[in-house]
Amino acid sequence: MSRSQAQPKMKPPPRPLFTCGLFRHCTDSVLSPTAATSPPPSSAVPNPSPPPPTRPPPTTTTTAPHPAPDLAPSSSSSSSSSASHSFTQWRFPLSHPHPPPDPPAPILDAFHAAELHFASGARLPALRLLERAISPDPLTPGGDRACPATVMAGVVESLRDPETARAAAKVLLALVLGEGNRRLAVELGAVGAAVDAVGAGGATAERALAALELMCGTSEGAEVVRGHAMAGVALAKAAEGMGERGRECAIGVMAAAWGGAAAGEAPVEVGRAVVVALQKECGGRGRRKGTQLLKALKESGRLDLPGEF
C-alpha cells in the first residue's frame, strides 16, 4: 500500500462563520472539530472543593401569573412621601385651626376685669368674660359671690342695647340665679330692661323671661312689673306665642305680679293670654300657676273673656 493510501489527507478546518475575534473564539470552542474535547464526567478527577452553586434554569416563555404588587414602599418612595407629608403638615396643619377656648377665669378677677371693660365702653368683651367665668357652674361661682353694682349696671345697660342684648340676657340670668344678686338687679333697673327685651322678641326674649321670673320672686320685682306700662302686653304676647318653656316663664311672671290680692290691677289681656296658654302645651308648674291666676282674676272680676272662650 502506498504512502498516500496509508495516511489519508487531512481536510483543512472549516472557516469560522464570523471574523470577529470574540465570535471566533466562541465558534472555535464550540464548532471546531479540532478543539480538544473534555473528558467524560466519569473519568474526571474529583474536585475536593465543593462545586460552585448552579444557576437556576432559565425561565421559559410560558406566561406566569402576575405577582401581587408589593405594597410596602421602597426607601426612596417612603422618604419622598414622608417629605411631602411633612410639608402638608406645615402648610395645612392637621390640628383644629381654632385655638381652644380660654379656661374660665376666677369670678372675682372676672368682676374686676369686667368693671374695667364697662368703664371703657367695651361691653361685649366684658359680657364674654363674665359668661366664661359664670356659665360653667352658675350656682357655685356666681351665685355665692355678690356682683359689684358697677358690673350689674353694665349688664343692665347692655340688655337695653340691641347689639349686646342677647349676651347680656344670658349673663343676667346666670347672675340672678343667686338670690343675693336679685334685689341689686331690681334696684338697677333690670326688671324694666327685661320687660323691654321680652316685648322685642327674638332669641333674647326667653332668657330675659327666665331672669324676669326670678327677679319677680322679690316683692320689689313684682311691683316694678305691675307699674310697667307695656308689661301686660309683652307678657301676654309671650304666653300666647312662645314655646313651652317661654310660655311657662311668662305665666310665672304674670302670676307673681297679678296673683292673689293684686289680681284687681291686672290688665285685661292677662286673663285672655293665660286661657290661650293653658290650651297649648304647658308644663305642670305653668299649668298650676295659670290655674291659680285665673281663679284670682275671676274672683276680682278681671276675667273679661270674649265669647269664644
C-alpha atoms as a PDB file:
ATOM      1  CA  MET A   1       0.000   0.000   0.000  1.00  0.00           C
ATOM      2  CA  SER A   2       1.317   3.408  -0.996  1.00  0.00           C
ATOM      3  CA  ARG A   3       2.137   6.147   1.489  1.00  0.00           C
ATOM      4  CA  SER A   4      -0.712   8.292   0.179  1.00  0.00           C
ATOM      5  CA  GLN A   5      -3.114   5.480   0.874  1.00  0.00           C
ATOM      6  CA  ALA A   6      -1.725   4.765   4.373  1.00  0.00           C
ATOM      7  CA  GLN A   7      -2.081   8.334   5.620  1.00  0.00           C
ATOM      8  CA  PRO A   8      -5.254   9.926   4.395  1.00  0.00           C
ATOM      9  CA  LYS A   9      -5.029  13.562   3.610  1.00  0.00           C
ATOM     10  CA  MET A  10      -6.438  15.799   6.378  1.00  0.00           C
ATOM     11  CA  LYS A  11      -9.024  18.319   5.353  1.00  0.00           C
ATOM     12  CA  PRO A  12      -8.411  21.893   6.351  1.00  0.00           C
ATOM     13  CA  PRO A  13     -10.545  23.096   9.279  1.00  0.00           C
ATOM     14  CA  PRO A  14     -13.742  24.865   8.367  1.00  0.00           C
ATOM     15  CA  ARG A  15     -13.595  28.584   8.109  1.00  0.00           C
ATOM     16  CA  PRO A  16     -15.222  30.323  11.014  1.00  0.00           C
ATOM     17  CA  LEU A  17     -18.554  31.900  10.385  1.00  0.00           C
ATOM     18  CA  PHE A  18     -17.538  35.247  11.901  1.00  0.00           C
ATOM     19  CA  THR A  19     -14.300  37.120  11.560  1.00  0.00           C
ATOM     20  CA  CYS A  20     -14.771  38.972  14.855  1.00  0.00           C
ATOM     21  CA  GLY A  21     -12.285  37.845  17.458  1.00  0.00           C
ATOM     22  CA  LEU A  22     -14.923  37.382  20.133  1.00  0.00           C
ATOM     23  CA  PHE A  23     -17.228  35.311  17.989  1.00  0.00           C
ATOM     24  CA  ARG A  24     -14.231  33.462  16.512  1.00  0.00           C
ATOM     25  CA  HIS A  25     -13.296  32.306  19.982  1.00  0.00           C
ATOM     26  CA  CYS A  26     -16.865  31.156  20.572  1.00  0.00           C
ATOM     27  CA  THR A  27     -17.085  29.273  17.291  1.00  0.00           C
ATOM     28  CA  ASP A  28     -13.693  27.724  17.743  1.00  0.00           C
ATOM     29  CA  SER A  29     -14.551  26.439  21.172  1.00  0.00           C
ATOM     30  CA  VAL A  30     -17.908  25.055  20.094  1.00  0.00           C
ATOM     31  CA  LEU A  31     -17.838  24.324  16.365  1.00  0.00           C
ATOM     32  CA  SER A  32     -14.257  23.485  15.613  1.00  0.00           C
ATOM     33  CA  PRO A  33     -13.712  19.716  15.274  1.00  0.00           C
ATOM     34  CA  THR A  34     -10.035  20.151  16.120  1.00  0.00           C
ATOM     35  CA  ALA A  35     -10.760  21.606  19.554  1.00  0.00           C
ATOM     36  CA  ALA A  36      -9.777  19.415  22.449  1.00  0.00           C
ATOM     37  CA  THR A  37     -12.687  17.565  23.906  1.00  0.00           C
ATOM     38  CA  SER A  38     -13.190  17.437  27.621  1.00  0.00           C
ATOM     39  CA  PRO A  39     -13.014  14.040  29.216  1.00  0.00           C
ATOM     40  CA  PRO A  40     -16.268  12.365  30.147  1.00  0.00           C
ATOM     41  CA  PRO A  41     -17.614  13.085  33.618  1.00  0.00           C
ATOM     42  CA  SER A  42     -16.937   9.509  34.759  1.00  0.00           C
ATOM     43  CA  SER A  43     -13.203   9.761  34.055  1.00  0.00           C
ATOM     44  CA  ALA A  44     -12.804  13.264  35.531  1.00  0.00           C
ATOM     45  CA  VAL A  45     -10.745  13.613  38.666  1.00  0.00           C
ATOM     46  CA  PRO A  46     -12.969  14.508  41.579  1.00  0.00           C
ATOM     47  CA  ASN A  47     -12.572  18.026  42.858  1.00  0.00           C
ATOM     48  CA  PRO A  48     -12.050  18.123  46.588  1.00  0.00           C
ATOM     49  CA  SER A  49     -13.601  21.594  46.883  1.00  0.00           C
ATOM     50  CA  PRO A  50     -17.407  21.855  46.792  1.00  0.00           C
ATOM     51  CA  PRO A  51     -18.785  22.630  43.379  1.00  0.00           C
ATOM     52  CA  PRO A  52     -19.935  26.165  42.762  1.00  0.00           C
ATOM     53  CA  PRO A  53     -23.657  26.764  43.105  1.00  0.00           C
ATOM     54  CA  THR A  54     -25.522  26.059  39.959  1.00  0.00           C
ATOM     55  CA  ARG A  55     -27.594  28.727  38.373  1.00  0.00           C
ATOM     56  CA  PRO A  56     -31.329  28.247  38.194  1.00  0.00           C
ATOM     57  CA  PRO A  57     -32.609  27.158  34.819  1.00  0.00           C
ATOM     58  CA  PRO A  58     -33.620  29.959  32.525  1.00  0.00           C
ATOM     59  CA  THR A  59     -37.203  30.981  32.616  1.00  0.00           C
ATOM     60  CA  THR A  60     -39.397  29.691  29.888  1.00  0.00           C
ATOM     61  CA  THR A  61     -41.642  31.765  27.732  1.00  0.00           C
ATOM     62  CA  THR A  62     -44.814  30.475  29.348  1.00  0.00           C
ATOM     63  CA  THR A  63     -46.882  33.254  30.878  1.00  0.00           C
ATOM     64  CA  ALA A  64     -46.872  33.093  34.671  1.00  0.00           C
ATOM     65  CA  PRO A  65     -49.486  34.776  36.806  1.00  0.00           C
ATOM     66  CA  HIS A  66     -48.521  38.303  37.787  1.00  0.00           C
ATOM     67  CA  PRO A  67     -47.303  38.509  41.363  1.00  0.00           C
ATOM     68  CA  ALA A  68     -49.199  40.656  43.819  1.00  0.00           C
ATOM     69  CA  PRO A  69     -47.839  44.198  43.896  1.00  0.00           C
ATOM     70  CA  ASP A  70     -45.566  44.995  46.784  1.00  0.00           C
ATOM     71  CA  LEU A  71     -47.492  47.460  48.941  1.00  0.00           C
ATOM     72  CA  ALA A  72     -44.526  48.312  51.107  1.00  0.00           C
ATOM     73  CA  PRO A  73     -42.917  51.455  49.660  1.00  0.00           C
ATOM     74  CA  SER A  74     -39.277  51.466  48.808  1.00  0.00           C
ATOM     75  CA  SER A  75     -36.824  53.571  50.727  1.00  0.00           C
ATOM     76  CA  SER A  76     -36.875  56.283  48.077  1.00  0.00           C
ATOM     77  CA  SER A  77     -40.662  56.367  47.841  1.00  0.00           C
ATOM     78  CA  SER A  78     -41.104  56.325  51.640  1.00  0.00           C
ATOM     79  CA  SER A  79     -38.674  59.214  52.054  1.00  0.00           C
ATOM     80  CA  SER A  80     -40.490  61.121  49.334  1.00  0.00           C
ATOM     81  CA  SER A  81     -43.901  60.508  50.883  1.00  0.00           C
ATOM     82  CA  SER A  82     -42.660  61.453  54.357  1.00  0.00           C
ATOM     83  CA  ALA A  83     -41.216  64.664  52.988  1.00  0.00           C
ATOM     84  CA  SER A  84     -44.491  65.563  51.281  1.00  0.00           C
ATOM     85  CA  HIS A  85     -46.392  64.645  54.467  1.00  0.00           C
ATOM     86  CA  SER A  86     -44.136  66.937  56.495  1.00  0.00           C
ATOM     87  CA  PHE A  87     -44.791  69.757  54.069  1.00  0.00           C
ATOM     88  CA  THR A  88     -48.516  69.120  54.230  1.00  0.00           C
ATOM     89  CA  GLN A  89     -48.430  69.321  57.998  1.00  0.00           C
ATOM     90  CA  TRP A  90     -46.518  72.570  57.822  1.00  0.00           C
ATOM     91  CA  ARG A  91     -48.657  74.117  55.109  1.00  0.00           C
ATOM     92  CA  PHE A  92     -52.028  72.692  56.157  1.00  0.00           C
ATOM     93  CA  PRO A  93     -51.995  71.775  59.871  1.00  0.00           C
ATOM     94  CA  LEU A  94     -53.968  68.678  60.749  1.00  0.00           C
ATOM     95  CA  SER A  95     -54.992  70.047  64.139  1.00  0.00           C
ATOM     96  CA  HIS A  96     -58.073  72.230  64.626  1.00  0.00           C
ATOM     97  CA  PRO A  97     -57.311  75.699  63.247  1.00  0.00           C
ATOM     98  CA  HIS A  98     -59.069  77.458  66.121  1.00  0.00           C
ATOM     99  CA  PRO A  99     -57.318  77.582  69.496  1.00  0.00           C
ATOM    100  CA  PRO A 100     -59.123  76.048  72.453  1.00  0.00           C
ATOM    101  CA  PRO A 101     -61.247  78.458  74.482  1.00  0.00           C
ATOM    102  CA  ASP A 102     -59.690  80.155  77.428  1.00  0.00           C
ATOM    103  CA  PRO A 103     -60.259  78.471  80.778  1.00  0.00           C
ATOM    104  CA  PRO A 104     -62.873  80.125  82.981  1.00  0.00           C
ATOM    105  CA  ALA A 105     -61.447  82.998  84.961  1.00  0.00           C
ATOM    106  CA  PRO A 106     -61.945  83.205  88.720  1.00  0.00           C
ATOM    107  CA  ILE A 107     -65.145  85.091  89.434  1.00  0.00           C
ATOM    108  CA  LEU A 108     -63.515  87.910  91.439  1.00  0.00           C
ATOM    109  CA  ASP A 109     -60.925  88.523  88.739  1.00  0.00           C
ATOM    110  CA  ALA A 110     -63.680  88.425  86.127  1.00  0.00           C
ATOM    111  CA  PHE A 111     -65.709  91.017  88.029  1.00  0.00           C
ATOM    112  CA  HIS A 112     -62.692  93.320  88.261  1.00  0.00           C
ATOM    113  CA  ALA A 113     -61.818  92.942  84.581  1.00  0.00           C
ATOM    114  CA  ALA A 114     -65.472  93.468  83.592  1.00  0.00           C
ATOM    115  CA  GLU A 115     -65.555  96.697  85.575  1.00  0.00           C
ATOM    116  CA  LEU A 116     -62.632  97.987  83.539  1.00  0.00           C
ATOM    117  CA  HIS A 117     -64.243  96.938  80.256  1.00  0.00           C
ATOM    118  CA  PHE A 118     -67.579  98.545  81.105  1.00  0.00           C
ATOM    119  CA  ALA A 119     -65.822 101.730  82.205  1.00  0.00           C
ATOM    120  CA  SER A 120     -64.075 101.945  78.818  1.00  0.00           C
ATOM    121  CA  GLY A 121     -67.275 101.225  76.893  1.00  0.00           C
ATOM    122  CA  ALA A 122     -66.244  97.725  75.771  1.00  0.00           C
ATOM    123  CA  ARG A 123     -69.469  95.955  76.697  1.00  0.00           C
ATOM    124  CA  LEU A 124     -69.169  92.835  74.581  1.00  0.00           C
ATOM    125  CA  PRO A 125     -65.695  91.831  75.879  1.00  0.00           C
ATOM    126  CA  ALA A 126     -66.965  92.365  79.426  1.00  0.00           C
ATOM    127  CA  LEU A 127     -70.010  90.153  78.823  1.00  0.00           C
ATOM    128  CA  ARG A 128     -67.935  87.404  77.247  1.00  0.00           C
ATOM    129  CA  LEU A 129     -65.549  87.468  80.167  1.00  0.00           C
ATOM    130  CA  LEU A 130     -68.416  87.181  82.656  1.00  0.00           C
ATOM    131  CA  GLU A 131     -70.020  84.393  80.635  1.00  0.00           C
ATOM    132  CA  ARG A 132     -66.829  82.301  80.699  1.00  0.00           C
ATOM    133  CA  ALA A 133     -66.461  82.826  84.419  1.00  0.00           C
ATOM    134  CA  ILE A 134     -70.076  82.123  85.447  1.00  0.00           C
ATOM    135  CA  SER A 135     -71.558  79.729  82.899  1.00  0.00           C
ATOM    136  CA  PRO A 136     -69.649  76.507  83.834  1.00  0.00           C
ATOM    137  CA  ASP A 137     -71.417  76.409  87.215  1.00  0.00           C
ATOM    138  CA  PRO A 138     -73.744  79.388  87.708  1.00  0.00           C
ATOM    139  CA  LEU A 139     -74.887  78.456  91.187  1.00  0.00           C
ATOM    140  CA  THR A 140     -71.457  77.938  92.721  1.00  0.00           C
ATOM    141  CA  PRO A 141     -69.091  80.637  91.388  1.00  0.00           C
ATOM    142  CA  GLY A 142     -71.517  83.432  90.512  1.00  0.00           C
ATOM    143  CA  GLY A 143     -74.383  82.750  92.853  1.00  0.00           C
ATOM    144  CA  ASP A 144     -72.348  82.737  96.041  1.00  0.00           C
ATOM    145  CA  ARG A 145     -70.458  85.898  95.112  1.00  0.00           C
ATOM    146  CA  ALA A 146     -72.125  89.276  95.322  1.00  0.00           C
ATOM    147  CA  CYS A 147     -71.943  91.019  91.981  1.00  0.00           C
ATOM    148  CA  PRO A 148     -70.492  94.542  92.185  1.00  0.00           C
ATOM    149  CA  ALA A 149     -73.006  97.285  91.438  1.00  0.00           C
ATOM    150  CA  THR A 150     -70.873  98.652  88.609  1.00  0.00           C
ATOM    151  CA  VAL A 151     -70.863  95.262  86.887  1.00  0.00           C
ATOM    152  CA  MET A 152     -74.619  94.757  87.303  1.00  0.00           C
ATOM    153  CA  ALA A 153     -75.254  98.247  85.952  1.00  0.00           C
ATOM    154  CA  GLY A 154     -73.141  97.452  82.907  1.00  0.00           C
ATOM    155  CA  VAL A 155     -75.094  94.231  82.303  1.00  0.00           C
ATOM    156  CA  VAL A 156     -78.424  96.094  82.550  1.00  0.00           C
ATOM    157  CA  GLU A 157     -77.306  98.777  80.123  1.00  0.00           C
ATOM    158  CA  SER A 158     -76.091  96.083  77.751  1.00  0.00           C
ATOM    159  CA  LEU A 159     -79.516  94.430  77.891  1.00  0.00           C
ATOM    160  CA  ARG A 160     -81.035  97.666  76.591  1.00  0.00           C
ATOM    161  CA  ASP A 161     -78.651  97.716  73.624  1.00  0.00           C
ATOM    162  CA  PRO A 162     -79.835  95.510  70.723  1.00  0.00           C
ATOM    163  CA  GLU A 163     -76.234  94.699  69.742  1.00  0.00           C
ATOM    164  CA  THR A 164     -75.380  93.247  73.165  1.00  0.00           C
ATOM    165  CA  ALA A 165     -78.836  92.286  74.476  1.00  0.00           C
ATOM    166  CA  ARG A 166     -78.510  88.565  73.758  1.00  0.00           C
ATOM    167  CA  ALA A 167     -75.221  88.153  75.618  1.00  0.00           C
ATOM    168  CA  ALA A 168     -76.442  90.410  78.432  1.00  0.00           C
ATOM    169  CA  ALA A 169     -79.602  88.339  78.950  1.00  0.00           C
ATOM    170  CA  LYS A 170     -77.503  85.205  79.345  1.00  0.00           C
ATOM    171  CA  VAL A 171     -75.203  86.857  81.890  1.00  0.00           C
ATOM    172  CA  LEU A 172     -78.116  88.422  83.789  1.00  0.00           C
ATOM    173  CA  LEU A 173     -79.838  85.044  84.089  1.00  0.00           C
ATOM    174  CA  ALA A 174     -76.636  83.488  85.443  1.00  0.00           C
ATOM    175  CA  LEU A 175     -76.214  86.293  87.980  1.00  0.00           C
ATOM    176  CA  VAL A 176     -79.773  86.306  89.350  1.00  0.00           C
ATOM    177  CA  LEU A 177     -79.691  82.563  89.901  1.00  0.00           C
ATOM    178  CA  GLY A 178     -78.023  83.635  93.121  1.00  0.00           C
ATOM    179  CA  GLU A 179     -80.645  85.103  95.440  1.00  0.00           C
ATOM    180  CA  GLY A 180     -78.215  87.696  96.748  1.00  0.00           C
ATOM    181  CA  ASN A 181     -77.990  89.411  93.349  1.00  0.00           C
ATOM    182  CA  ARG A 182     -81.729  89.703  92.620  1.00  0.00           C
ATOM    183  CA  ARG A 183     -82.514  92.776  94.695  1.00  0.00           C
ATOM    184  CA  LEU A 184     -79.456  94.559  93.324  1.00  0.00           C
ATOM    185  CA  ALA A 185     -80.600  93.776  89.779  1.00  0.00           C
ATOM    186  CA  VAL A 186     -84.091  95.140  90.531  1.00  0.00           C
ATOM    187  CA  GLU A 187     -82.660  98.310  92.055  1.00  0.00           C
ATOM    188  CA  LEU A 188     -80.524  98.945  88.986  1.00  0.00           C
ATOM    189  CA  GLY A 189     -83.420  98.626  86.510  1.00  0.00           C
ATOM    190  CA  ALA A 190     -83.016  95.035  85.313  1.00  0.00           C
ATOM    191  CA  VAL A 191     -86.775  94.329  85.505  1.00  0.00           C
ATOM    192  CA  GLY A 192     -87.721  97.115  83.132  1.00  0.00           C
ATOM    193  CA  ALA A 193     -84.898  96.203  80.754  1.00  0.00           C
ATOM    194  CA  ALA A 194     -86.029  92.562  80.783  1.00  0.00           C
ATOM    195  CA  VAL A 195     -89.665  93.521  80.060  1.00  0.00           C
ATOM    196  CA  ASP A 196     -88.498  95.591  77.085  1.00  0.00           C
ATOM    197  CA  ALA A 197     -86.392  92.665  75.848  1.00  0.00           C
ATOM    198  CA  VAL A 198     -89.417  90.345  76.091  1.00  0.00           C
ATOM    199  CA  GLY A 199     -91.519  92.802  74.109  1.00  0.00           C
ATOM    200  CA  ALA A 200     -88.833  92.996  71.401  1.00  0.00           C
ATOM    201  CA  GLY A 201     -88.982  89.197  70.945  1.00  0.00           C
ATOM    202  CA  GLY A 202     -86.281  87.207  69.210  1.00  0.00           C
ATOM    203  CA  ALA A 203     -83.645  84.966  70.745  1.00  0.00           C
ATOM    204  CA  THR A 204     -83.219  87.265  73.753  1.00  0.00           C
ATOM    205  CA  ALA A 205     -86.817  87.046  74.970  1.00  0.00           C
ATOM    206  CA  GLU A 206     -86.724  83.553  76.511  1.00  0.00           C
ATOM    207  CA  ARG A 207     -83.662  84.188  78.691  1.00  0.00           C
ATOM    208  CA  ALA A 208     -84.987  87.609  79.642  1.00  0.00           C
ATOM    209  CA  LEU A 209     -88.261  85.953  80.716  1.00  0.00           C
ATOM    210  CA  ALA A 210     -86.416  83.415  82.855  1.00  0.00           C
ATOM    211  CA  ALA A 211     -84.408  86.176  84.555  1.00  0.00           C
ATOM    212  CA  LEU A 212     -87.575  88.235  84.977  1.00  0.00           C
ATOM    213  CA  GLU A 213     -89.381  85.390  86.737  1.00  0.00           C
ATOM    214  CA  LEU A 214     -86.501  85.023  89.193  1.00  0.00           C
ATOM    215  CA  MET A 215     -86.465  88.751  89.924  1.00  0.00           C
ATOM    216  CA  CYS A 216     -90.230  88.721  90.431  1.00  0.00           C
ATOM    217  CA  GLY A 217     -89.596  86.357  93.323  1.00  0.00           C
ATOM    218  CA  THR A 218     -88.881  89.549  95.285  1.00  0.00           C
ATOM    219  CA  SER A 219     -91.727  91.888  96.144  1.00  0.00           C
ATOM    220  CA  GLU A 220     -89.805  94.774  94.572  1.00  0.00           C
ATOM    221  CA  GLY A 221     -89.515  92.981  91.243  1.00  0.00           C
ATOM    222  CA  ALA A 222     -93.224  92.138  91.083  1.00  0.00           C
ATOM    223  CA  GLU A 223     -94.073  95.741  91.882  1.00  0.00           C
ATOM    224  CA  VAL A 224     -91.930  97.013  89.009  1.00  0.00           C
ATOM    225  CA  VAL A 225     -93.727  94.660  86.606  1.00  0.00           C
ATOM    226  CA  ARG A 226     -97.142  95.938  87.742  1.00  0.00           C
ATOM    227  CA  GLY A 227     -96.033  99.519  87.211  1.00  0.00           C
ATOM    228  CA  HIS A 228     -94.585  98.947  83.733  1.00  0.00           C
ATOM    229  CA  ALA A 229     -96.934 100.264  81.067  1.00  0.00           C
ATOM    230  CA  MET A 230     -96.127  97.580  78.490  1.00  0.00           C
ATOM    231  CA  ALA A 231     -95.654  94.600  80.811  1.00  0.00           C
ATOM    232  CA  GLY A 232     -99.156  93.168  80.331  1.00  0.00           C
ATOM    233  CA  VAL A 233     -98.974  93.327  76.526  1.00  0.00           C
ATOM    234  CA  ALA A 234     -95.433  91.889  76.359  1.00  0.00           C
ATOM    235  CA  LEU A 235     -96.161  89.023  78.754  1.00  0.00           C
ATOM    236  CA  ALA A 236     -99.471  88.166  77.102  1.00  0.00           C
ATOM    237  CA  LYS A 237     -97.773  88.022  73.702  1.00  0.00           C
ATOM    238  CA  ALA A 238     -95.057  85.756  75.096  1.00  0.00           C
ATOM    239  CA  ALA A 239     -97.559  83.422  76.778  1.00  0.00           C
ATOM    240  CA  GLU A 240     -99.556  83.005  73.562  1.00  0.00           C
ATOM    241  CA  GLY A 241     -96.740  82.803  71.020  1.00  0.00           C
ATOM    242  CA  MET A 242     -93.633  81.317  72.615  1.00  0.00           C
ATOM    243  CA  GLY A 243     -92.679  77.700  73.155  1.00  0.00           C
ATOM    244  CA  GLU A 244     -93.412  75.662  76.240  1.00  0.00           C
ATOM    245  CA  ARG A 245     -90.515  76.962  78.308  1.00  0.00           C
ATOM    246  CA  GLY A 246     -91.114  80.623  77.472  1.00  0.00           C
ATOM    247  CA  ARG A 247     -94.851  80.179  77.943  1.00  0.00           C
ATOM    248  CA  GLU A 248     -94.299  78.736  81.402  1.00  0.00           C
ATOM    249  CA  CYS A 249     -91.992  81.614  82.392  1.00  0.00           C
ATOM    250  CA  ALA A 250     -94.493  84.203  81.147  1.00  0.00           C
ATOM    251  CA  ILE A 251     -97.291  82.624  83.202  1.00  0.00           C
ATOM    252  CA  GLY A 252     -94.974  82.581  86.219  1.00  0.00           C
ATOM    253  CA  VAL A 253     -94.220  86.308  85.864  1.00  0.00           C
ATOM    254  CA  MET A 254     -97.921  87.194  85.489  1.00  0.00           C
ATOM    255  CA  ALA A 255     -98.826  85.034  88.466  1.00  0.00           C
ATOM    256  CA  ALA A 256     -96.148  86.722  90.585  1.00  0.00           C
ATOM    257  CA  ALA A 257     -97.228  90.201  89.528  1.00  0.00           C
ATOM    258  CA  TRP A 258    -101.048  89.897  89.480  1.00  0.00           C
ATOM    259  CA  GLY A 259    -101.851  86.849  91.549  1.00  0.00           C
ATOM    260  CA  GLY A 260    -103.629  86.967  94.879  1.00  0.00           C
ATOM    261  CA  ALA A 261    -104.538  90.416  96.164  1.00  0.00           C
ATOM    262  CA  ALA A 262    -103.070  92.207  93.145  1.00  0.00           C
ATOM    263  CA  ALA A 263    -105.440  90.475  90.707  1.00  0.00           C
ATOM    264  CA  GLY A 264    -107.638  93.565  90.556  1.00  0.00           C
ATOM    265  CA  GLU A 265    -104.806  95.525  88.927  1.00  0.00           C
ATOM    266  CA  ALA A 266    -104.235  93.028  86.118  1.00  0.00           C
ATOM    267  CA  PRO A 267    -104.641  94.278  82.538  1.00  0.00           C
ATOM    268  CA  VAL A 268    -107.474  92.703  80.568  1.00  0.00           C
ATOM    269  CA  GLU A 269    -105.115  90.914  78.170  1.00  0.00           C
ATOM    270  CA  VAL A 270    -103.550  88.922  81.009  1.00  0.00           C
ATOM    271  CA  GLY A 271    -106.570  86.650  81.600  1.00  0.00           C
ATOM    272  CA  ARG A 272    -107.066  86.040  77.898  1.00  0.00           C
ATOM    273  CA  ALA A 273    -103.395  85.126  77.415  1.00  0.00           C
ATOM    274  CA  VAL A 274    -103.443  82.652  80.312  1.00  0.00           C
ATOM    275  CA  VAL A 275    -106.519  80.889  78.925  1.00  0.00           C
ATOM    276  CA  VAL A 276    -104.869  80.578  75.496  1.00  0.00           C
ATOM    277  CA  ALA A 277    -101.614  79.356  77.039  1.00  0.00           C
ATOM    278  CA  LEU A 278    -103.324  76.647  79.069  1.00  0.00           C
ATOM    279  CA  GLN A 279    -104.924  75.277  75.904  1.00  0.00           C
ATOM    280  CA  LYS A 280    -101.441  74.638  74.473  1.00  0.00           C
ATOM    281  CA  GLU A 281     -98.552  72.540  75.725  1.00  0.00           C
ATOM    282  CA  CYS A 282     -97.627  73.683  79.181  1.00  0.00           C
ATOM    283  CA  GLY A 283     -95.629  72.123  81.993  1.00  0.00           C
ATOM    284  CA  GLY A 284     -97.083  71.214  85.354  1.00  0.00           C
ATOM    285  CA  ARG A 285     -95.673  74.281  87.095  1.00  0.00           C
ATOM    286  CA  GLY A 286     -97.048  76.660  84.495  1.00  0.00           C
ATOM    287  CA  ARG A 287    -100.431  74.958  84.462  1.00  0.00           C
ATOM    288  CA  ARG A 288    -100.679  75.122  88.250  1.00  0.00           C
ATOM    289  CA  LYS A 289     -99.741  78.808  88.389  1.00  0.00           C
ATOM    290  CA  GLY A 290    -102.013  79.653  85.477  1.00  0.00           C
ATOM    291  CA  THR A 291    -105.000  77.972  87.132  1.00  0.00           C
ATOM    292  CA  GLN A 292    -104.375  79.882  90.368  1.00  0.00           C
ATOM    293  CA  LEU A 293    -104.081  83.169  88.459  1.00  0.00           C
ATOM    294  CA  LEU A 294    -107.351  82.584  86.560  1.00  0.00           C
ATOM    295  CA  LYS A 295    -109.113  81.842  89.826  1.00  0.00           C
ATOM    296  CA  ALA A 296    -107.826  85.081  91.364  1.00  0.00           C
ATOM    297  CA  LEU A 297    -108.800  87.078  88.262  1.00  0.00           C
ATOM    298  CA  LYS A 298    -112.298  85.619  88.276  1.00  0.00           C
ATOM    299  CA  GLU A 299    -112.800  86.436  91.957  1.00  0.00           C
ATOM    300  CA  SER A 300    -111.658  90.020  91.371  1.00  0.00           C
ATOM    301  CA  GLY A 301    -113.846  90.491  88.310  1.00  0.00           C
ATOM    302  CA  ARG A 302    -110.911  90.932  85.929  1.00  0.00           C
ATOM    303  CA  LEU A 303    -111.553  87.822  83.887  1.00  0.00           C
ATOM    304  CA  ASP A 304    -113.190  89.516  80.886  1.00  0.00           C
ATOM    305  CA  LEU A 305    -113.056  86.994  78.069  1.00  0.00           C
ATOM    306  CA  PRO A 306    -114.618  87.075  74.585  1.00  0.00           C
ATOM    307  CA  GLY A 307    -117.472  84.718  73.712  1.00  0.00           C
ATOM    308  CA  GLU A 308    -115.288  82.080  72.063  1.00  0.00           C
ATOM    309  CA  PHE A 309    -113.620  81.387  75.375  1.00  0.00           C
END
